[in-house]
Amino acid sequence: MIGALVIPPEAASFPLDVAAATHAYLASVPPAARVASDAYFEGGYWLQLWDFLLSSAIGVALLHTGASARVRDLATRFTRVRPLQVAAYWAMYLLVVSVASFPLEVYAGFVREHAYGLSNMTLGAWLGDQAKAFGVAVVLGSIAVPGLYAILRRARRTWWIWGTVAAVSFLAFVITIVPVFVAPIFNRYTVLEDQTVTAPVLSLARANGIPASEVWQFNASRQSRRVSANVSGLFGTSRISLNDNLLARCSLPEIENVMGHEMGHYVLHHIGKLMLQFGLVILVGFAFISATFERLRARFAGRWRVEGVDDPAGLPLLLLLLGAYMFVMTPVINTIVRTHEIEADAFGLNAARQPDGMAAVSLKLGEYRKLEPGPIEELVFFDHPSGKHRIEMAMRWKKEHPPGAPCRDGLDGGGGAAQPRP
């Protein structure tokens, strides 16, 4: 059942005071909830560090103990076909790493999520999803990793260039298949029949040139209370989907704003732009690996028994170097993504014209994202704009589009009907 939008009085009066309206929305969150949300998000900073250190330690251990070389030797006994040897190595490597990192995964993905009231999953259901994710990683890695090592064998000096091309191409492949083949492994997707929601969403899609005749819903409530939606896919696999938490917990203005935001990603070609930008990040990372891999391999050749960059036994070193590079690049990657999210926010406001819907749903996202970070904190750790910045953007838009004000298209300003909080 679609809920009602509640607007603080400070955000319902005109002329609108942007600062007062923003503060009113933020003040509507109970202090205890703010403390919990801040603690959860800040704890995630440390989890990023522990995950990096653990994965690095596992890689070093596999190399220094000679375990990686032994896994390679075992893989060569299975078959003489080189791509199948690499695929076999990948499957065994992933199993070892998954087992070694399992305690941290249990804490981060299950214990901690329940401690903050963010998970709806039983341990059995969570373990089932972990097993599914492992299977997907084995299958996709068995395509990507042999492909990378084929490039490493054939172009030892320029592999970092061709490897980047292959990585971006594989990313496009994954984006294409995920909505149709991967996402339904974890959640049940059905066509949404509620015309109260589908009619305005499809109207919004048609108005912005998105070829969609259906809206899909998926049962994300089996995992958590988080609200989300997406317009995903490429090359004819595009799909408008929203989760059942969005339907159960949000008002129609909130849903329209969320869908306007997601459609902004599609209309503004963010998928293609992100692939290009991430491709440049990967290119620099592969160049870094190309410049450092051989030096480290030669220094520890006797202990590691890695014969060259094209030897699968060197995969832990390759991933260790890539992991270190990506860890250092975290602020850059977050800034790239956050910039696209800000653009989608602006598009969603202009398309859906629901500023209070954006403000209200930003508070729900603030259940697990810090609402008011410091500027450096947001720059480094946030891959989305903070709740405060999103609410400020919405209130600025509302101030410039008061109800009844003429727009360039001749329609009303669309600031939204005021519904003061009782």
Protein backbone atom coordinates (compact mmCIF):
# COMPACT_ATOMS: atom_id res chain seq x y z
CA MET A 1 0.00 0.00 0.00
CA ILE A 2 1.41 3.37 -1.04
CA GLY A 3 1.96 5.67 1.93
CA ALA A 4 1.40 9.41 2.31
CA LEU A 5 4.15 12.00 1.93
CA VAL A 6 4.81 13.96 5.12
CA ILE A 7 6.28 17.43 4.64
CA PRO A 8 7.64 19.50 7.56
CA PRO A 9 5.89 22.90 7.89
CA GLU A 10 9.20 24.69 7.23
CA ALA A 11 9.34 23.02 3.81
CA ALA A 12 5.71 23.80 2.96
CA SER A 13 5.65 27.57 3.28
CA PHE A 14 6.64 30.07 0.59
CA PRO A 15 8.86 31.95 0.10
CA LEU A 16 10.91 28.92 1.03
CA ASP A 17 13.92 29.16 3.32
CA VAL A 18 16.22 26.43 1.92
CA ALA A 19 18.37 26.16 5.05
CA ALA A 20 15.37 25.99 7.39
CA ALA A 21 13.59 23.43 5.21
CA THR A 22 16.72 21.28 4.99
CA HIS A 23 17.23 21.45 8.74
CA ALA A 24 13.58 20.53 9.34
CA TYR A 25 13.87 17.39 7.26
CA LEU A 26 17.11 16.37 8.98
CA ALA A 27 15.68 17.15 12.41
CA SER A 28 12.78 14.77 11.76
CA VAL A 29 15.19 11.84 12.20
CA PRO A 30 15.36 10.72 15.85
CA PRO A 31 18.79 11.33 17.44
CA ALA A 32 19.23 7.63 18.25
CA ALA A 33 18.65 6.73 14.61
CA ARG A 34 21.22 9.30 13.52
CA VAL A 35 23.78 7.90 15.94
CA ALA A 36 23.19 4.36 14.68
CA SER A 37 23.37 5.38 11.03
CA ASP A 38 26.59 7.33 11.58
CA ALA A 39 28.17 4.44 13.47
CA TYR A 40 27.18 1.95 10.79
CA PHE A 41 28.55 4.03 7.92
CA GLU A 42 31.75 5.03 9.71
CA GLY A 43 32.34 1.40 10.61
CA GLY A 44 32.30 0.72 6.89
CA TYR A 45 35.47 2.80 6.53
CA TRP A 46 37.30 0.33 8.74
CA LEU A 47 35.78 -2.62 6.95
CA GLN A 48 37.28 -1.36 3.69
CA LEU A 49 40.69 -1.30 5.35
CA TRP A 50 40.33 -4.74 6.99
CA ASP A 51 39.08 -6.25 3.74
CA PHE A 52 42.07 -4.84 1.86
CA LEU A 53 44.55 -6.03 4.49
CA LEU A 54 43.01 -9.50 4.69
CA SER A 55 42.88 -10.00 0.93
CA SER A 56 46.50 -8.81 0.68
CA ALA A 57 47.58 -11.19 3.46
CA ILE A 58 45.85 -14.10 1.74
CA GLY A 59 47.60 -13.28 -1.53
CA VAL A 60 51.01 -13.05 0.13
CA ALA A 61 50.41 -16.34 1.98
CA LEU A 62 49.42 -18.16 -1.22
CA LEU A 63 52.60 -16.94 -2.91
CA HIS A 64 55.08 -17.36 -0.04
CA THR A 65 53.92 -20.85 0.92
CA GLY A 66 54.03 -22.03 -2.71
CA ALA A 67 50.31 -22.89 -2.46
CA SER A 68 49.51 -20.93 -5.60
CA ALA A 69 52.11 -22.85 -7.60
CA ARG A 70 50.76 -26.14 -6.27
CA VAL A 71 47.23 -25.16 -7.28
CA ARG A 72 48.55 -24.35 -10.76
CA ASP A 73 50.28 -27.73 -10.94
CA LEU A 74 47.08 -29.44 -9.88
CA ALA A 75 45.10 -27.58 -12.53
CA THR A 76 47.51 -28.73 -15.26
CA ARG A 77 46.78 -32.36 -14.35
CA PHE A 78 43.11 -31.94 -15.11
CA THR A 79 43.54 -31.04 -18.78
CA ARG A 80 46.09 -30.03 -21.40
CA VAL A 81 43.86 -27.25 -22.72
CA ARG A 82 45.37 -24.01 -21.41
CA PRO A 83 42.13 -22.00 -20.99
CA LEU A 84 40.61 -24.88 -19.02
CA GLN A 85 43.72 -25.04 -16.84
CA VAL A 86 43.33 -21.35 -16.04
CA ALA A 87 39.61 -21.79 -15.36
CA ALA A 88 40.36 -24.71 -13.02
CA TYR A 89 43.00 -22.64 -11.22
CA TRP A 90 40.51 -19.79 -10.85
CA ALA A 91 37.86 -22.03 -9.31
CA MET A 92 40.30 -23.50 -6.78
CA TYR A 93 41.84 -20.10 -6.02
CA LEU A 94 38.40 -18.56 -5.43
CA LEU A 95 37.47 -21.43 -3.11
CA VAL A 96 40.61 -20.96 -1.01
CA VAL A 97 40.14 -17.19 -0.78
CA SER A 98 36.44 -17.54 0.06
CA VAL A 99 37.18 -19.96 2.89
CA ALA A 100 40.00 -17.80 4.27
CA SER A 101 37.89 -14.63 4.21
CA PHE A 102 34.68 -16.31 5.39
CA PRO A 103 34.86 -15.12 9.04
CA LEU A 104 35.08 -11.47 7.95
CA GLU A 105 32.27 -12.04 5.43
CA VAL A 106 30.03 -13.48 8.15
CA TYR A 107 30.71 -10.52 10.41
CA ALA A 108 30.33 -7.84 7.73
CA GLY A 109 27.45 -9.36 5.79
CA PHE A 110 25.41 -11.05 8.49
CA VAL A 111 26.32 -10.26 12.11
CA ARG A 112 26.87 -6.55 11.61
CA GLU A 113 23.82 -6.10 9.37
CA HIS A 114 21.59 -7.70 12.02
CA ALA A 115 23.22 -5.68 14.79
CA TYR A 116 22.08 -2.49 13.05
CA GLY A 117 18.66 -3.88 12.12
CA LEU A 118 19.36 -3.74 8.38
CA SER A 119 18.99 -7.42 7.47
CA ASN A 120 15.89 -9.60 7.24
CA MET A 121 17.78 -12.79 6.43
CA THR A 122 18.17 -15.96 8.44
CA LEU A 123 21.63 -17.47 8.54
CA GLY A 124 20.51 -20.22 6.18
CA ALA A 125 19.13 -17.78 3.64
CA TRP A 126 22.27 -15.65 3.85
CA LEU A 127 24.51 -18.67 3.34
CA GLY A 128 22.36 -19.64 0.36
CA ASP A 129 22.92 -16.24 -1.25
CA GLN A 130 26.65 -16.51 -0.54
CA ALA A 131 26.74 -19.88 -2.28
CA LYS A 132 24.89 -18.44 -5.27
CA ALA A 133 27.31 -15.49 -5.43
CA PHE A 134 30.23 -17.92 -5.31
CA GLY A 135 28.77 -19.90 -8.20
CA VAL A 136 28.24 -16.75 -10.28
CA ALA A 137 31.83 -15.65 -9.56
CA VAL A 138 33.17 -19.05 -10.62
CA VAL A 139 31.25 -18.97 -13.90
CA LEU A 140 32.02 -15.36 -14.82
CA GLY A 141 35.64 -15.67 -13.67
CA SER A 142 36.04 -18.82 -15.75
CA ILE A 143 35.29 -16.63 -18.77
CA ALA A 144 37.21 -13.49 -17.80
CA VAL A 145 40.40 -14.91 -16.25
CA PRO A 146 41.32 -17.31 -19.11
CA GLY A 147 40.65 -14.44 -21.51
CA LEU A 148 43.04 -12.19 -19.61
CA TYR A 149 45.76 -14.86 -19.52
CA ALA A 150 45.36 -15.46 -23.26
CA ILE A 151 46.20 -11.77 -23.72
CA LEU A 152 49.10 -12.03 -21.26
CA ARG A 153 50.61 -14.89 -23.29
CA ARG A 154 50.26 -13.20 -26.65
CA ALA A 155 51.15 -9.61 -25.76
CA ARG A 156 53.54 -9.58 -22.81
CA ARG A 157 54.65 -6.00 -23.33
CA THR A 158 51.34 -4.41 -24.33
CA TRP A 159 48.94 -6.66 -22.41
CA TRP A 160 47.90 -3.77 -20.17
CA ILE A 161 46.37 -2.01 -23.18
CA TRP A 162 44.58 -5.02 -24.63
CA GLY A 163 43.67 -6.20 -21.15
CA THR A 164 41.86 -2.92 -20.56
CA VAL A 165 39.90 -3.34 -23.79
CA ALA A 166 38.97 -6.86 -22.74
CA ALA A 167 38.02 -5.74 -19.22
CA VAL A 168 35.69 -3.01 -20.48
CA SER A 169 34.16 -5.39 -23.03
CA PHE A 170 33.57 -7.96 -20.32
CA LEU A 171 32.00 -5.30 -18.11
CA ALA A 172 29.56 -4.46 -20.91
CA PHE A 173 28.77 -8.17 -21.24
CA VAL A 174 28.06 -8.48 -17.52
CA ILE A 175 25.83 -5.39 -17.50
CA THR A 176 23.89 -6.89 -20.39
CA ILE A 177 23.24 -10.27 -18.80
CA VAL A 178 22.72 -9.25 -15.16
CA PRO A 179 19.10 -8.02 -15.40
CA VAL A 180 17.95 -11.10 -17.32
CA PHE A 181 20.08 -13.96 -16.01
CA VAL A 182 21.89 -13.01 -12.79
CA ALA A 183 19.53 -10.83 -10.74
CA PRO A 184 16.68 -13.42 -10.81
CA ILE A 185 19.03 -15.92 -9.15
CA PHE A 186 18.83 -13.87 -5.95
CA ASN A 187 15.36 -12.33 -6.13
CA ARG A 188 11.99 -13.05 -7.68
CA TYR A 189 11.03 -10.58 -10.43
CA THR A 190 7.39 -10.08 -11.41
CA VAL A 191 5.54 -7.52 -13.51
CA LEU A 192 4.06 -4.80 -11.31
CA GLU A 193 0.30 -4.59 -11.93
CA ASP A 194 -0.54 -1.68 -9.62
CA GLN A 195 -1.53 1.09 -12.04
CA THR A 196 -1.23 3.66 -9.28
CA VAL A 197 2.52 3.19 -9.61
CA THR A 198 3.04 1.85 -13.12
CA ALA A 199 1.03 4.57 -14.89
CA PRO A 200 3.12 7.54 -13.69
CA VAL A 201 6.37 5.58 -13.96
CA LEU A 202 5.70 4.51 -17.56
CA SER A 203 4.52 8.03 -18.39
CA LEU A 204 7.80 9.35 -17.03
CA ALA A 205 9.68 6.77 -19.10
CA ARG A 206 7.84 7.64 -22.32
CA ALA A 207 8.38 11.36 -21.73
CA ASN A 208 12.12 10.75 -21.54
CA GLY A 209 12.45 8.38 -24.49
CA ILE A 210 12.90 5.16 -22.52
CA PRO A 211 11.51 2.16 -24.43
CA ALA A 212 9.61 0.38 -21.67
CA SER A 213 6.14 -1.13 -21.60
CA GLU A 214 6.38 -2.80 -18.19
CA VAL A 215 7.58 -2.06 -14.69
CA TRP A 216 9.07 -4.91 -12.70
CA GLN A 217 9.20 -5.42 -8.96
CA PHE A 218 11.53 -7.69 -7.00
CA ASN A 219 11.36 -9.02 -3.47
CA ALA A 220 14.36 -7.29 -1.91
CA SER A 221 12.55 -7.47 1.44
CA ARG A 222 13.82 -11.04 1.79
CA GLN A 223 17.25 -9.49 2.30
CA SER A 224 16.73 -6.09 3.94
CA ARG A 225 14.54 -3.01 4.45
CA ARG A 226 16.55 -0.90 2.01
CA VAL A 227 14.70 0.91 -0.75
CA SER A 228 16.09 0.80 -4.28
CA ALA A 229 15.25 0.76 -7.95
CA ASN A 230 17.12 0.65 -11.24
CA VAL A 231 16.90 1.05 -14.97
CA SER A 232 19.48 -1.52 -16.00
CA GLY A 233 20.82 -3.42 -18.98
CA LEU A 234 22.22 -2.78 -22.44
CA PHE A 235 21.50 -3.81 -26.01
CA GLY A 236 17.81 -4.62 -25.64
CA THR A 237 17.95 -5.99 -22.09
CA SER A 238 16.94 -2.71 -20.42
CA ARG A 239 14.45 -3.13 -17.59
CA ILE A 240 12.74 -0.76 -15.15
CA SER A 241 12.69 -2.42 -11.74
CA LEU A 242 11.84 -1.29 -8.23
CA ASN A 243 11.97 -3.27 -5.04
CA ASP A 244 9.06 -4.14 -2.79
CA ASN A 245 10.52 -2.06 0.05
CA LEU A 246 10.11 1.04 -2.10
CA LEU A 247 6.47 0.13 -2.66
CA ALA A 248 5.81 -0.70 1.00
CA ARG A 249 7.66 2.17 2.65
CA CYS A 250 7.44 5.14 0.29
CA SER A 251 4.83 7.56 -0.97
CA LEU A 252 4.13 7.98 -4.68
CA PRO A 253 6.16 11.24 -4.88
CA GLU A 254 9.13 9.39 -3.39
CA ILE A 255 8.74 6.53 -5.87
CA GLU A 256 8.45 8.96 -8.79
CA ASN A 257 11.58 10.80 -7.70
CA VAL A 258 13.56 7.56 -7.31
CA MET A 259 12.45 6.38 -10.75
CA GLY A 260 13.25 9.79 -12.25
CA HIS A 261 16.75 9.50 -10.79
CA GLU A 262 17.24 6.00 -12.19
CA MET A 263 15.93 7.06 -15.59
CA GLY A 264 18.45 9.89 -15.48
CA HIS A 265 21.25 7.33 -15.46
CA TYR A 266 19.76 5.79 -18.60
CA VAL A 267 18.99 9.01 -20.48
CA LEU A 268 22.35 10.58 -19.62
CA HIS A 269 24.17 7.44 -20.83
CA HIS A 270 25.90 6.98 -17.50
CA ILE A 271 26.58 3.29 -18.10
CA GLY A 272 28.63 4.05 -21.19
CA LYS A 273 30.36 7.00 -19.57
CA LEU A 274 31.21 5.00 -16.46
CA MET A 275 32.64 2.18 -18.55
CA LEU A 276 34.85 4.70 -20.35
CA GLN A 277 35.97 6.37 -17.12
CA PHE A 278 36.54 3.10 -15.30
CA GLY A 279 38.36 1.91 -18.39
CA LEU A 280 40.86 4.76 -17.91
CA VAL A 281 41.22 3.83 -14.23
CA ILE A 282 41.81 0.19 -15.19
CA LEU A 283 44.29 1.21 -17.90
CA VAL A 284 46.44 3.06 -15.36
CA GLY A 285 46.11 0.17 -12.92
CA PHE A 286 47.18 -2.41 -15.49
CA ALA A 287 50.10 -0.18 -16.48
CA PHE A 288 51.14 -0.07 -12.81
CA ILE A 289 50.95 -3.87 -12.60
CA SER A 290 52.92 -4.23 -15.82
CA ALA A 291 55.68 -2.03 -14.38
CA THR A 292 55.93 -3.77 -11.00
CA PHE A 293 54.89 -7.41 -11.48
CA GLU A 294 58.10 -8.69 -13.04
CA ARG A 295 60.34 -6.98 -10.49
CA LEU A 296 58.56 -8.65 -7.60
CA ARG A 297 58.31 -12.00 -9.40
CA ALA A 298 62.05 -12.04 -10.14
CA ARG A 299 62.92 -11.17 -6.55
CA PHE A 300 60.92 -14.07 -5.10
CA ALA A 301 61.08 -16.47 -8.04
CA GLY A 302 62.64 -19.30 -6.02
CA ARG A 303 59.98 -19.26 -3.34
CA TRP A 304 56.91 -18.39 -5.42
CA ARG A 305 57.70 -20.57 -8.48
CA VAL A 306 55.86 -18.11 -10.70
CA GLU A 307 57.31 -18.41 -14.21
CA GLY A 308 56.08 -15.14 -15.67
CA VAL A 309 53.20 -12.69 -15.89
CA ASP A 310 51.30 -15.24 -18.00
CA ASP A 311 51.60 -17.95 -15.33
CA PRO A 312 48.26 -18.44 -13.49
CA ALA A 313 50.24 -19.05 -10.29
CA GLY A 314 50.96 -15.32 -10.33
CA LEU A 315 47.27 -14.39 -10.11
CA PRO A 316 47.50 -13.63 -6.35
CA LEU A 317 50.28 -11.12 -7.07
CA LEU A 318 48.35 -9.59 -9.96
CA LEU A 319 45.24 -9.18 -7.80
CA LEU A 320 47.28 -7.95 -4.83
CA LEU A 321 48.80 -5.17 -6.93
CA LEU A 322 45.42 -4.34 -8.47
CA GLY A 323 43.81 -4.31 -5.02
CA ALA A 324 46.45 -1.95 -3.64
CA TYR A 325 46.01 0.37 -6.61
CA MET A 326 42.20 0.37 -6.33
CA PHE A 327 42.42 0.99 -2.57
CA VAL A 328 44.54 4.09 -3.15
CA MET A 329 42.16 5.17 -5.92
CA THR A 330 39.09 4.93 -3.68
CA PRO A 331 38.53 8.73 -3.51
CA VAL A 332 38.86 9.00 -7.30
CA ILE A 333 36.45 6.14 -7.98
CA ASN A 334 33.96 7.46 -5.43
CA THR A 335 34.14 10.93 -6.98
CA ILE A 336 33.48 9.54 -10.47
CA VAL A 337 30.40 7.66 -9.26
CA ARG A 338 29.19 10.48 -7.01
CA THR A 339 29.36 12.96 -9.90
CA HIS A 340 27.06 10.76 -11.98
CA GLU A 341 24.71 10.38 -9.02
CA ILE A 342 24.48 14.16 -8.63
CA GLU A 343 23.65 14.48 -12.33
CA ALA A 344 20.95 11.82 -11.97
CA ASP A 345 19.55 13.64 -8.94
CA ALA A 346 19.22 16.85 -10.96
CA PHE A 347 17.63 14.97 -13.85
CA GLY A 348 15.19 13.24 -11.50
CA LEU A 349 14.11 16.54 -9.97
CA ASN A 350 13.43 18.11 -13.35
CA ALA A 351 11.72 15.01 -14.73
CA ALA A 352 9.58 13.88 -11.78
CA ARG A 353 9.21 17.34 -10.18
CA GLN A 354 8.93 15.86 -6.69
CA PRO A 355 11.41 17.74 -4.48
CA ASP A 356 9.76 16.66 -1.23
CA GLY A 357 9.74 13.09 -2.51
CA MET A 358 13.51 13.39 -2.98
CA ALA A 359 13.98 14.84 0.48
CA ALA A 360 11.84 12.17 2.14
CA VAL A 361 13.51 9.23 0.41
CA SER A 362 16.94 10.70 1.20
CA LEU A 363 16.08 10.25 4.87
CA LYS A 364 15.29 6.58 4.26
CA LEU A 365 18.63 6.15 2.51
CA GLY A 366 20.12 7.84 5.56
CA GLU A 367 19.21 4.78 7.62
CA TYR A 368 22.52 3.28 6.45
CA ARG A 369 24.36 6.31 5.05
CA LYS A 370 25.67 9.13 7.19
CA LEU A 371 23.39 12.12 6.62
CA GLU A 372 25.82 14.95 7.44
CA PRO A 373 29.47 14.03 6.81
CA GLY A 374 32.33 16.48 6.77
CA PRO A 375 33.48 17.73 3.34
CA ILE A 376 36.70 15.66 3.28
CA GLU A 377 34.83 12.64 4.59
CA GLU A 378 32.27 12.91 1.81
CA LEU A 379 34.95 13.43 -0.83
CA VAL A 380 36.88 10.31 0.20
CA PHE A 381 34.27 7.81 1.32
CA PHE A 382 30.95 8.68 -0.35
CA ASP A 383 30.07 7.24 -3.76
CA HIS A 384 26.68 9.03 -3.52
CA PRO A 385 25.96 12.58 -2.36
CA SER A 386 25.13 12.76 1.33
CA GLY A 387 21.55 13.02 2.52
CA LYS A 388 22.05 16.63 3.56
CA HIS A 389 23.32 17.63 0.11
CA ARG A 390 20.45 15.83 -1.59
CA ILE A 391 17.85 17.51 0.59
CA GLU A 392 19.49 20.91 0.01
CA MET A 393 19.38 20.29 -3.75
CA ALA A 394 15.71 19.36 -3.54
CA MET A 395 14.82 22.42 -1.46
CA ARG A 396 16.74 24.75 -3.79
CA TRP A 397 14.82 23.30 -6.71
CA LYS A 398 11.54 23.73 -4.81
CA LYS A 399 12.35 27.34 -3.99
CA GLU A 400 12.89 28.10 -7.68
CA HIS A 401 9.67 26.25 -8.66
CA PRO A 402 6.98 27.45 -6.24
CA PRO A 403 3.44 26.14 -6.82
CA GLY A 404 1.67 28.07 -9.56
CA ALA A 405 4.83 29.64 -10.97
CA PRO A 406 5.03 29.43 -14.78
CA CYS A 407 7.69 27.20 -16.31
CA ARG A 408 9.35 27.30 -19.70
CA ASP A 409 7.05 24.53 -20.85
CA GLY A 410 3.99 26.46 -19.71
CA LEU A 411 3.17 24.06 -16.87
CA ASP A 412 2.86 24.93 -13.21
CA GLY A 413 6.03 25.13 -11.21
CA GLY A 414 5.34 21.76 -9.66
CA GLY A 415 6.78 22.49 -6.25
CA GLY A 416 4.34 19.99 -4.85
CA ALA A 417 1.20 20.40 -2.79
CA ALA A 418 2.03 21.28 0.77
CA GLN A 419 1.10 18.59 3.26
CA PRO A 420 2.22 19.95 6.64
CA ARG A 421 3.07 17.45 9.31
CA PRO A 422 0.28 17.15 11.86
